[in-house]
Amino acid sequence: MKIGEVISRARRAAGLKQKELAAAAGVHVQTLKRLEGGAGAGYSTVRALERALARHGATWRETDGGYELTVRLGSKAKD
């Protein structure tokens, strides 16, 4: 799984729209859209998105085979 797909899944699991995540990370929404669409991004952009997602309960780590995504659902989660 590519990093853009991990970010997209984490964003959706956290209940965030692209515009919301981009604003929380301090990146342009078009940058996020391109990344989720398969384009590359700089290290600082990915780290900013990772920090923003972590504030919403989503984290990931790089593994030998790609990335492992963990999403912590808080009390606001709906069934």
Protein backbone atom coordinates (compact mmCIF):
# COMPACT_ATOMS: atom_id res chain seq x y z
CA MET A 1 0.00 0.00 0.00
CA LYS A 2 1.39 3.41 -0.94
CA ILE A 3 1.55 6.24 1.57
CA GLY A 4 -1.19 8.18 -0.22
CA GLU A 5 -3.58 5.27 0.21
CA VAL A 6 -2.64 4.95 3.88
CA ILE A 7 -3.33 8.65 4.42
CA SER A 8 -6.63 8.40 2.56
CA ARG A 9 -7.78 5.42 4.63
CA ALA A 10 -6.67 7.05 7.87
CA ARG A 11 -8.43 10.29 6.96
CA ARG A 12 -11.68 8.52 6.16
CA ALA A 13 -11.46 6.37 9.30
CA ALA A 14 -10.98 9.54 11.34
CA GLY A 15 -14.09 11.03 9.72
CA LEU A 16 -12.23 13.91 8.09
CA LYS A 17 -12.78 15.52 4.72
CA GLN A 18 -9.73 16.33 2.60
CA LYS A 19 -10.21 20.04 3.26
CA GLU A 20 -10.32 19.45 7.03
CA LEU A 21 -7.18 17.32 7.11
CA ALA A 22 -5.29 19.70 4.84
CA ALA A 23 -6.16 22.63 7.11
CA ALA A 24 -5.22 20.68 10.26
CA ALA A 25 -1.86 19.74 8.72
CA GLY A 26 -1.15 23.16 7.23
CA VAL A 27 -0.89 21.85 3.67
CA HIS A 28 -2.78 22.88 0.55
CA VAL A 29 -5.81 20.70 -0.19
CA GLN A 30 -4.54 20.14 -3.75
CA THR A 31 -1.33 18.67 -2.31
CA LEU A 32 -3.37 16.21 -0.26
CA LYS A 33 -5.57 15.32 -3.24
CA ARG A 34 -2.50 14.62 -5.39
CA LEU A 35 -0.89 12.53 -2.66
CA GLU A 36 -4.04 10.47 -2.13
CA GLY A 37 -4.24 10.08 -5.90
CA GLY A 38 -0.81 8.45 -6.06
CA ALA A 39 1.61 11.35 -6.47
CA GLY A 40 4.62 11.68 -4.23
CA ALA A 41 5.11 14.26 -1.50
CA GLY A 42 7.97 15.61 0.52
CA TYR A 43 8.92 14.27 3.92
CA SER A 44 7.74 17.40 5.75
CA THR A 45 4.31 17.20 4.09
CA VAL A 46 3.85 13.55 5.02
CA ARG A 47 5.00 14.23 8.61
CA ALA A 48 2.56 17.15 8.93
CA LEU A 49 -0.29 14.93 7.74
CA GLU A 50 0.81 12.16 10.10
CA ARG A 51 0.77 14.54 13.08
CA ALA A 52 -2.66 15.89 12.14
CA LEU A 53 -4.06 12.37 11.76
CA ALA A 54 -2.55 11.32 15.09
CA ARG A 55 -4.57 14.05 16.79
CA HIS A 56 -7.65 12.27 15.41
CA GLY A 57 -6.61 8.79 16.57
CA ALA A 58 -4.98 7.46 13.38
CA THR A 59 -1.36 6.36 13.30
CA TRP A 60 0.76 4.21 11.06
CA ARG A 61 4.21 2.77 10.95
CA GLU A 62 6.35 1.59 8.09
CA THR A 63 6.86 -2.17 7.90
CA ASP A 64 8.87 -4.41 5.60
CA GLY A 65 5.82 -4.91 3.40
CA GLY A 66 4.45 -1.37 3.41
CA TYR A 67 2.55 0.37 6.20
CA GLU A 68 0.52 -0.73 9.20
CA LEU A 69 -2.44 1.53 9.94
CA THR A 70 -4.01 1.81 13.40
CA VAL A 71 -7.11 3.89 14.10
CA ARG A 72 -8.24 4.51 17.66
CA LEU A 73 -11.95 5.24 17.78
CA GLY A 74 -12.96 7.56 20.60
CA SER A 75 -16.25 8.03 22.37
CA LYS A 76 -17.52 10.14 19.46
CA ALA A 77 -17.50 7.12 17.15
CA LYS A 78 -20.84 6.13 15.69
CA ASP A 79 -21.95 2.53 15.11
